[in-house]
């Protein structure tokens, strides 16, 4: 309980001290902090990713943060998929509002995960759980998470690495928006291509993309 309370009130100075203390472990501290975000919601994503960029540099900080966040999401997704048929989760998924949300997720799985992954604040765990309960394909989830988190982490890393430069050139926000649109389009193409190849190999009936 004390650990969770301490994580909830962590600040930039504490993070810098912690990363400096465990510098001998290389990238592991930076990866571990972002990995824990999927299991400890109070952890401040923006602060952690920004500090990683400041400590490790723009590109390494981005890479470590991205690896940690993606791994955390994948582990959560796989765990829930394994236990999705347990009575507790079945009752939870059968609630009227939840059931309605599940139907929407099944129809728009890729867009749901990708778009919500772009936001640095929000219920990461809920997104992963909903996708798992909706039986989203692992490949689709992987692509959506990898691309969505890449955009989010890079933008925060870019700002955290040199905040003054971003303030001097606010037009760079437009580049970020274009990057988001391009990444979404590429992700949808990759997902559709993969699904079609799978359906041709299996020789089965076409399935809804991302469901």
C-alpha atoms as a PDB file:
ATOM      1  CA  UNK A   1       0.000   0.000   0.000  1.00  0.00           C
ATOM      2  CA  UNK A   2       2.849   2.365   0.813  1.00  0.00           C
ATOM      3  CA  UNK A   3       4.486   1.565  -2.537  1.00  0.00           C
ATOM      4  CA  UNK A   4       1.304   2.360  -4.468  1.00  0.00           C
ATOM      5  CA  UNK A   5       0.852   5.570  -2.518  1.00  0.00           C
ATOM      6  CA  UNK A   6       4.443   6.567  -3.275  1.00  0.00           C
ATOM      7  CA  UNK A   7       4.002   5.822  -6.981  1.00  0.00           C
ATOM      8  CA  UNK A   8       0.814   7.874  -7.039  1.00  0.00           C
ATOM      9  CA  UNK A   9       2.667  10.953  -5.791  1.00  0.00           C
ATOM     10  CA  UNK A  10       5.895  10.493  -7.722  1.00  0.00           C
ATOM     11  CA  UNK A  11       7.345  13.655  -9.254  1.00  0.00           C
ATOM     12  CA  UNK A  12      10.054  14.536 -11.747  1.00  0.00           C
ATOM     13  CA  UNK A  13      12.769  14.891  -9.110  1.00  0.00           C
ATOM     14  CA  UNK A  14      12.050  11.471  -7.624  1.00  0.00           C
ATOM     15  CA  UNK A  15      12.041   9.862 -11.057  1.00  0.00           C
ATOM     16  CA  UNK A  16      15.382  11.436 -11.960  1.00  0.00           C
ATOM     17  CA  UNK A  17      16.884  10.257  -8.669  1.00  0.00           C
ATOM     18  CA  UNK A  18      15.511   6.745  -9.161  1.00  0.00           C
ATOM     19  CA  UNK A  19      16.821   6.435 -12.729  1.00  0.00           C
ATOM     20  CA  UNK A  20      20.206   7.809 -11.670  1.00  0.00           C
ATOM     21  CA  UNK A  21      20.364   5.361  -8.756  1.00  0.00           C
ATOM     22  CA  UNK A  22      19.776   2.375 -11.030  1.00  0.00           C
ATOM     23  CA  UNK A  23      21.751   3.671 -14.016  1.00  0.00           C
ATOM     24  CA  UNK A  24      23.975   0.563 -13.856  1.00  0.00           C
ATOM     25  CA  UNK A  25      21.010  -1.525 -15.069  1.00  0.00           C
ATOM     26  CA  UNK A  26      20.959   0.319 -18.382  1.00  0.00           C
ATOM     27  CA  UNK A  27      17.556   0.604 -20.077  1.00  0.00           C
ATOM     28  CA  UNK A  28      15.725  -1.712 -17.647  1.00  0.00           C
ATOM     29  CA  UNK A  29      14.543   1.022 -15.215  1.00  0.00           C
ATOM     30  CA  UNK A  30      13.073   3.102 -18.047  1.00  0.00           C
ATOM     31  CA  UNK A  31      11.361   0.076 -19.593  1.00  0.00           C
ATOM     32  CA  UNK A  32      10.073  -1.173 -16.226  1.00  0.00           C
ATOM     33  CA  UNK A  33       8.461   2.148 -15.311  1.00  0.00           C
ATOM     34  CA  UNK A  34       6.401   2.301 -18.495  1.00  0.00           C
ATOM     35  CA  UNK A  35       5.629  -1.429 -18.303  1.00  0.00           C
ATOM     36  CA  UNK A  36       4.096  -0.922 -14.851  1.00  0.00           C
ATOM     37  CA  UNK A  37       1.691   1.690 -16.241  1.00  0.00           C
ATOM     38  CA  UNK A  38      -0.599  -1.115 -17.430  1.00  0.00           C
ATOM     39  CA  UNK A  39      -0.822  -2.478 -13.881  1.00  0.00           C
ATOM     40  CA  UNK A  40      -0.493   0.664 -11.750  1.00  0.00           C
ATOM     41  CA  UNK A  41      -2.892   3.241 -13.300  1.00  0.00           C
ATOM     42  CA  UNK A  42      -1.829   6.136 -10.995  1.00  0.00           C
ATOM     43  CA  UNK A  43       1.619   6.235 -12.632  1.00  0.00           C
ATOM     44  CA  UNK A  44       1.885   9.505 -14.649  1.00  0.00           C
ATOM     45  CA  UNK A  45       2.578   8.501 -18.249  1.00  0.00           C
ATOM     46  CA  UNK A  46       3.549  11.957 -19.488  1.00  0.00           C
ATOM     47  CA  UNK A  47       6.024  12.450 -16.661  1.00  0.00           C
ATOM     48  CA  UNK A  48       7.649   9.014 -17.012  1.00  0.00           C
ATOM     49  CA  UNK A  49       8.004   9.164 -20.801  1.00  0.00           C
ATOM     50  CA  UNK A  50       9.287  12.730 -20.669  1.00  0.00           C
ATOM     51  CA  UNK A  51      11.878  11.894 -18.008  1.00  0.00           C
ATOM     52  CA  UNK A  52      13.018   8.839 -19.977  1.00  0.00           C
ATOM     53  CA  UNK A  53      13.674  11.103 -22.969  1.00  0.00           C
ATOM     54  CA  UNK A  54      15.530  13.596 -20.795  1.00  0.00           C
ATOM     55  CA  UNK A  55      17.706  10.903 -19.181  1.00  0.00           C
ATOM     56  CA  UNK A  56      18.361   8.516 -22.088  1.00  0.00           C
ATOM     57  CA  UNK A  57      18.061  10.966 -24.978  1.00  0.00           C
ATOM     58  CA  UNK A  58      15.255  11.420 -27.499  1.00  0.00           C
ATOM     59  CA  UNK A  59      15.565   8.197 -29.490  1.00  0.00           C
ATOM     60  CA  UNK A  60      16.663   5.789 -26.760  1.00  0.00           C
ATOM     61  CA  UNK A  61      14.163   7.317 -24.340  1.00  0.00           C
ATOM     62  CA  UNK A  62      11.414   6.875 -26.929  1.00  0.00           C
ATOM     63  CA  UNK A  63      12.472   3.274 -27.608  1.00  0.00           C
ATOM     64  CA  UNK A  64      12.595   2.249 -23.937  1.00  0.00           C
ATOM     65  CA  UNK A  65       9.262   3.890 -23.120  1.00  0.00           C
ATOM     66  CA  UNK A  66       7.607   2.372 -26.182  1.00  0.00           C
ATOM     67  CA  UNK A  67       8.892  -1.134 -25.434  1.00  0.00           C
ATOM     68  CA  UNK A  68       7.710  -0.958 -21.820  1.00  0.00           C
ATOM     69  CA  UNK A  69       4.237   0.338 -22.631  1.00  0.00           C
ATOM     70  CA  UNK A  70       3.650  -2.124 -25.485  1.00  0.00           C
ATOM     71  CA  UNK A  71       4.811  -5.083 -23.386  1.00  0.00           C
ATOM     72  CA  UNK A  72       2.541  -4.042 -20.519  1.00  0.00           C
ATOM     73  CA  UNK A  73      -0.466  -3.804 -22.840  1.00  0.00           C
ATOM     74  CA  UNK A  74       0.273  -7.168 -24.453  1.00  0.00           C
ATOM     75  CA  UNK A  75       0.677  -8.949 -21.117  1.00  0.00           C
ATOM     76  CA  UNK A  76      -2.630  -7.503 -19.875  1.00  0.00           C
ATOM     77  CA  UNK A  77      -4.385  -8.476 -23.112  1.00  0.00           C
ATOM     78  CA  UNK A  78      -3.081 -12.058 -23.062  1.00  0.00           C
ATOM     79  CA  UNK A  79      -3.946 -12.581 -19.379  1.00  0.00           C
ATOM     80  CA  UNK A  80      -7.532 -11.393 -19.849  1.00  0.00           C
ATOM     81  CA  UNK A  81      -7.931 -13.499 -22.996  1.00  0.00           C
ATOM     82  CA  UNK A  82      -6.895 -16.556 -20.957  1.00  0.00           C
ATOM     83  CA  UNK A  83      -9.439 -15.917 -18.199  1.00  0.00           C
ATOM     84  CA  UNK A  84     -12.193 -14.233 -20.219  1.00  0.00           C
ATOM     85  CA  UNK A  85     -14.564 -17.178 -19.748  1.00  0.00           C
ATOM     86  CA  UNK A  86     -14.442 -17.006 -15.956  1.00  0.00           C
ATOM     87  CA  UNK A  87     -17.816 -16.198 -14.295  1.00  0.00           C
ATOM     88  CA  UNK A  88     -16.680 -12.810 -12.998  1.00  0.00           C
ATOM     89  CA  UNK A  89     -15.650 -11.528 -16.421  1.00  0.00           C
ATOM     90  CA  UNK A  90     -18.724 -13.018 -18.072  1.00  0.00           C
ATOM     91  CA  UNK A  91     -20.990 -11.188 -15.628  1.00  0.00           C
ATOM     92  CA  UNK A  92     -19.046  -7.985 -16.146  1.00  0.00           C
ATOM     93  CA  UNK A  93     -19.283  -8.271 -19.947  1.00  0.00           C
ATOM     94  CA  UNK A  94     -23.045  -8.992 -19.786  1.00  0.00           C
ATOM     95  CA  UNK A  95     -23.930  -5.715 -18.101  1.00  0.00           C
ATOM     96  CA  UNK A  96     -26.143  -3.666 -20.470  1.00  0.00           C
ATOM     97  CA  UNK A  97     -23.737  -0.759 -20.912  1.00  0.00           C
ATOM     98  CA  UNK A  98     -20.700  -3.026 -21.124  1.00  0.00           C
ATOM     99  CA  UNK A  99     -22.420  -5.364 -23.593  1.00  0.00           C
ATOM    100  CA  UNK A 100     -23.308  -2.415 -25.822  1.00  0.00           C
ATOM    101  CA  UNK A 101     -19.699  -1.234 -25.674  1.00  0.00           C
ATOM    102  CA  UNK A 102     -18.443  -4.729 -26.546  1.00  0.00           C
ATOM    103  CA  UNK A 103     -20.537  -4.755 -29.720  1.00  0.00           C
ATOM    104  CA  UNK A 104     -19.008  -1.439 -30.771  1.00  0.00           C
ATOM    105  CA  UNK A 105     -15.502  -2.717 -30.028  1.00  0.00           C
ATOM    106  CA  UNK A 106     -16.085  -5.837 -32.137  1.00  0.00           C
ATOM    107  CA  UNK A 107     -17.108  -3.712 -35.114  1.00  0.00           C
ATOM    108  CA  UNK A 108     -14.327  -1.145 -34.728  1.00  0.00           C
ATOM    109  CA  UNK A 109     -11.624  -3.027 -32.830  1.00  0.00           C
ATOM    110  CA  UNK A 110      -8.556  -1.648 -34.588  1.00  0.00           C
ATOM    111  CA  UNK A 111      -9.727   1.978 -34.593  1.00  0.00           C
ATOM    112  CA  UNK A 112     -10.846   1.671 -30.974  1.00  0.00           C
ATOM    113  CA  UNK A 113      -7.447   0.492 -29.739  1.00  0.00           C
ATOM    114  CA  UNK A 114      -5.370   2.697 -32.033  1.00  0.00           C
ATOM    115  CA  UNK A 115      -7.193   5.961 -31.380  1.00  0.00           C
ATOM    116  CA  UNK A 116      -7.415   5.511 -27.599  1.00  0.00           C
ATOM    117  CA  UNK A 117      -3.740   4.533 -27.532  1.00  0.00           C
ATOM    118  CA  UNK A 118      -2.878   7.994 -28.810  1.00  0.00           C
ATOM    119  CA  UNK A 119      -3.929   9.628 -25.550  1.00  0.00           C
ATOM    120  CA  UNK A 120      -1.252   9.843 -22.826  1.00  0.00           C
ATOM    121  CA  UNK A 121      -3.869   9.883 -20.075  1.00  0.00           C
ATOM    122  CA  UNK A 122      -6.752   7.478 -19.722  1.00  0.00           C
ATOM    123  CA  UNK A 123      -7.749   3.985 -18.631  1.00  0.00           C
ATOM    124  CA  UNK A 124      -5.040   1.947 -20.355  1.00  0.00           C
ATOM    125  CA  UNK A 125      -6.073  -1.180 -18.475  1.00  0.00           C
ATOM    126  CA  UNK A 126      -9.734  -0.801 -19.469  1.00  0.00           C
ATOM    127  CA  UNK A 127      -8.783  -0.482 -23.144  1.00  0.00           C
ATOM    128  CA  UNK A 128      -6.735  -3.676 -23.000  1.00  0.00           C
ATOM    129  CA  UNK A 129      -9.419  -5.562 -21.073  1.00  0.00           C
ATOM    130  CA  UNK A 130     -12.219  -4.485 -23.423  1.00  0.00           C
ATOM    131  CA  UNK A 131     -10.230  -5.567 -26.482  1.00  0.00           C
ATOM    132  CA  UNK A 132      -9.470  -8.940 -24.879  1.00  0.00           C
ATOM    133  CA  UNK A 133     -13.077  -9.593 -23.834  1.00  0.00           C
ATOM    134  CA  UNK A 134     -14.256  -8.636 -27.319  1.00  0.00           C
ATOM    135  CA  UNK A 135     -11.981 -11.410 -28.662  1.00  0.00           C
ATOM    136  CA  UNK A 136     -10.001  -9.025 -30.823  1.00  0.00           C
ATOM    137  CA  UNK A 137      -7.380 -10.801 -32.908  1.00  0.00           C
ATOM    138  CA  UNK A 138      -3.965 -10.758 -31.273  1.00  0.00           C
ATOM    139  CA  UNK A 139      -2.320  -9.586 -34.511  1.00  0.00           C
ATOM    140  CA  UNK A 140      -4.749  -6.683 -34.868  1.00  0.00           C
ATOM    141  CA  UNK A 141      -4.274  -5.703 -31.235  1.00  0.00           C
ATOM    142  CA  UNK A 142      -0.497  -5.894 -31.584  1.00  0.00           C
ATOM    143  CA  UNK A 143      -0.423  -3.674 -34.679  1.00  0.00           C
ATOM    144  CA  UNK A 144      -2.856  -1.132 -33.203  1.00  0.00           C
ATOM    145  CA  UNK A 145      -0.980  -0.915 -29.895  1.00  0.00           C
ATOM    146  CA  UNK A 146       2.468  -0.737 -31.472  1.00  0.00           C
ATOM    147  CA  UNK A 147       1.481   2.062 -33.851  1.00  0.00           C
ATOM    148  CA  UNK A 148      -0.762   4.004 -31.481  1.00  0.00           C
ATOM    149  CA  UNK A 149       1.709   3.934 -28.614  1.00  0.00           C
ATOM    150  CA  UNK A 150       4.565   4.802 -30.985  1.00  0.00           C
ATOM    151  CA  UNK A 151       2.819   8.039 -31.924  1.00  0.00           C
ATOM    152  CA  UNK A 152       1.929   8.919 -28.337  1.00  0.00           C
ATOM    153  CA  UNK A 153       5.337   8.075 -26.893  1.00  0.00           C
ATOM    154  CA  UNK A 154       7.248   9.881 -29.647  1.00  0.00           C
ATOM    155  CA  UNK A 155       5.271  13.104 -29.247  1.00  0.00           C
ATOM    156  CA  UNK A 156       5.778  13.124 -25.472  1.00  0.00           C
ATOM    157  CA  UNK A 157       9.451  12.175 -25.847  1.00  0.00           C
ATOM    158  CA  UNK A 158       9.983  14.943 -28.360  1.00  0.00           C
ATOM    159  CA  UNK A 159       8.454  17.516 -26.030  1.00  0.00           C
ATOM    160  CA  UNK A 160      10.156  16.111 -22.924  1.00  0.00           C
ATOM    161  CA  UNK A 161      13.560  15.976 -24.578  1.00  0.00           C
ATOM    162  CA  UNK A 162      13.586  19.710 -25.348  1.00  0.00           C
ATOM    163  CA  UNK A 163      10.421  21.552 -24.189  1.00  0.00           C
ATOM    164  CA  UNK A 164      11.846  24.979 -25.074  1.00  0.00           C
ATOM    165  CA  UNK A 165      12.328  24.044 -28.738  1.00  0.00           C
ATOM    166  CA  UNK A 166       8.730  22.818 -29.019  1.00  0.00           C
ATOM    167  CA  UNK A 167       7.466  26.120 -27.588  1.00  0.00           C
ATOM    168  CA  UNK A 168       9.599  28.046 -30.071  1.00  0.00           C
ATOM    169  CA  UNK A 169       8.159  26.060 -32.998  1.00  0.00           C
ATOM    170  CA  UNK A 170       4.455  25.319 -32.250  1.00  0.00           C
ATOM    171  CA  UNK A 171       3.862  24.526 -35.933  1.00  0.00           C
ATOM    172  CA  UNK A 172       5.526  21.189 -35.266  1.00  0.00           C
ATOM    173  CA  UNK A 173       2.193  20.096 -33.769  1.00  0.00           C
ATOM    174  CA  UNK A 174       0.917  19.920 -37.352  1.00  0.00           C
ATOM    175  CA  UNK A 175       3.605  17.394 -38.207  1.00  0.00           C
ATOM    176  CA  UNK A 176       2.481  15.288 -35.258  1.00  0.00           C
ATOM    177  CA  UNK A 177      -1.135  15.321 -36.527  1.00  0.00           C
ATOM    178  CA  UNK A 178      -0.025  14.302 -40.014  1.00  0.00           C
ATOM    179  CA  UNK A 179       2.069  11.544 -38.475  1.00  0.00           C
ATOM    180  CA  UNK A 180      -0.982  10.279 -36.561  1.00  0.00           C
ATOM    181  CA  UNK A 181      -3.112  10.192 -39.738  1.00  0.00           C
ATOM    182  CA  UNK A 182      -0.406   8.444 -41.768  1.00  0.00           C
ATOM    183  CA  UNK A 183       0.230   5.885 -39.020  1.00  0.00           C
ATOM    184  CA  UNK A 184      -3.480   5.100 -38.713  1.00  0.00           C
ATOM    185  CA  UNK A 185      -3.764   4.538 -42.488  1.00  0.00           C
ATOM    186  CA  UNK A 186      -0.678   2.321 -42.573  1.00  0.00           C
ATOM    187  CA  UNK A 187      -1.935   0.317 -39.602  1.00  0.00           C
ATOM    188  CA  UNK A 188      -5.316  -0.289 -41.221  1.00  0.00           C
ATOM    189  CA  UNK A 189      -3.627  -1.429 -44.448  1.00  0.00           C
ATOM    190  CA  UNK A 190      -1.305  -3.811 -42.588  1.00  0.00           C
ATOM    191  CA  UNK A 191      -4.183  -5.252 -40.590  1.00  0.00           C
ATOM    192  CA  UNK A 192      -6.415  -5.758 -43.657  1.00  0.00           C
ATOM    193  CA  UNK A 193      -3.584  -7.345 -45.631  1.00  0.00           C
ATOM    194  CA  UNK A 194      -2.801  -9.749 -42.789  1.00  0.00           C
ATOM    195  CA  UNK A 195      -6.431 -10.750 -42.326  1.00  0.00           C
ATOM    196  CA  UNK A 196      -6.899 -11.447 -46.050  1.00  0.00           C
ATOM    197  CA  UNK A 197      -3.781 -13.613 -46.167  1.00  0.00           C
ATOM    198  CA  UNK A 198      -4.987 -15.583 -43.144  1.00  0.00           C
ATOM    199  CA  UNK A 199      -8.426 -16.114 -44.679  1.00  0.00           C
ATOM    200  CA  UNK A 200      -6.907 -17.331 -47.947  1.00  0.00           C
ATOM    201  CA  UNK A 201      -4.674 -19.819 -46.114  1.00  0.00           C
ATOM    202  CA  UNK A 202      -7.531 -21.128 -43.996  1.00  0.00           C
ATOM    203  CA  UNK A 203     -10.009 -21.128 -46.877  1.00  0.00           C
ATOM    204  CA  UNK A 204     -12.748 -20.061 -44.516  1.00  0.00           C
ATOM    205  CA  UNK A 205     -15.480 -17.491 -44.650  1.00  0.00           C
ATOM    206  CA  UNK A 206     -14.379 -13.842 -44.560  1.00  0.00           C
ATOM    207  CA  UNK A 207     -14.279 -12.400 -41.085  1.00  0.00           C
ATOM    208  CA  UNK A 208     -14.761  -8.867 -39.889  1.00  0.00           C
ATOM    209  CA  UNK A 209     -11.526  -6.964 -39.695  1.00  0.00           C
ATOM    210  CA  UNK A 210     -10.238  -6.497 -36.155  1.00  0.00           C
ATOM    211  CA  UNK A 211     -13.016  -8.560 -34.538  1.00  0.00           C
END
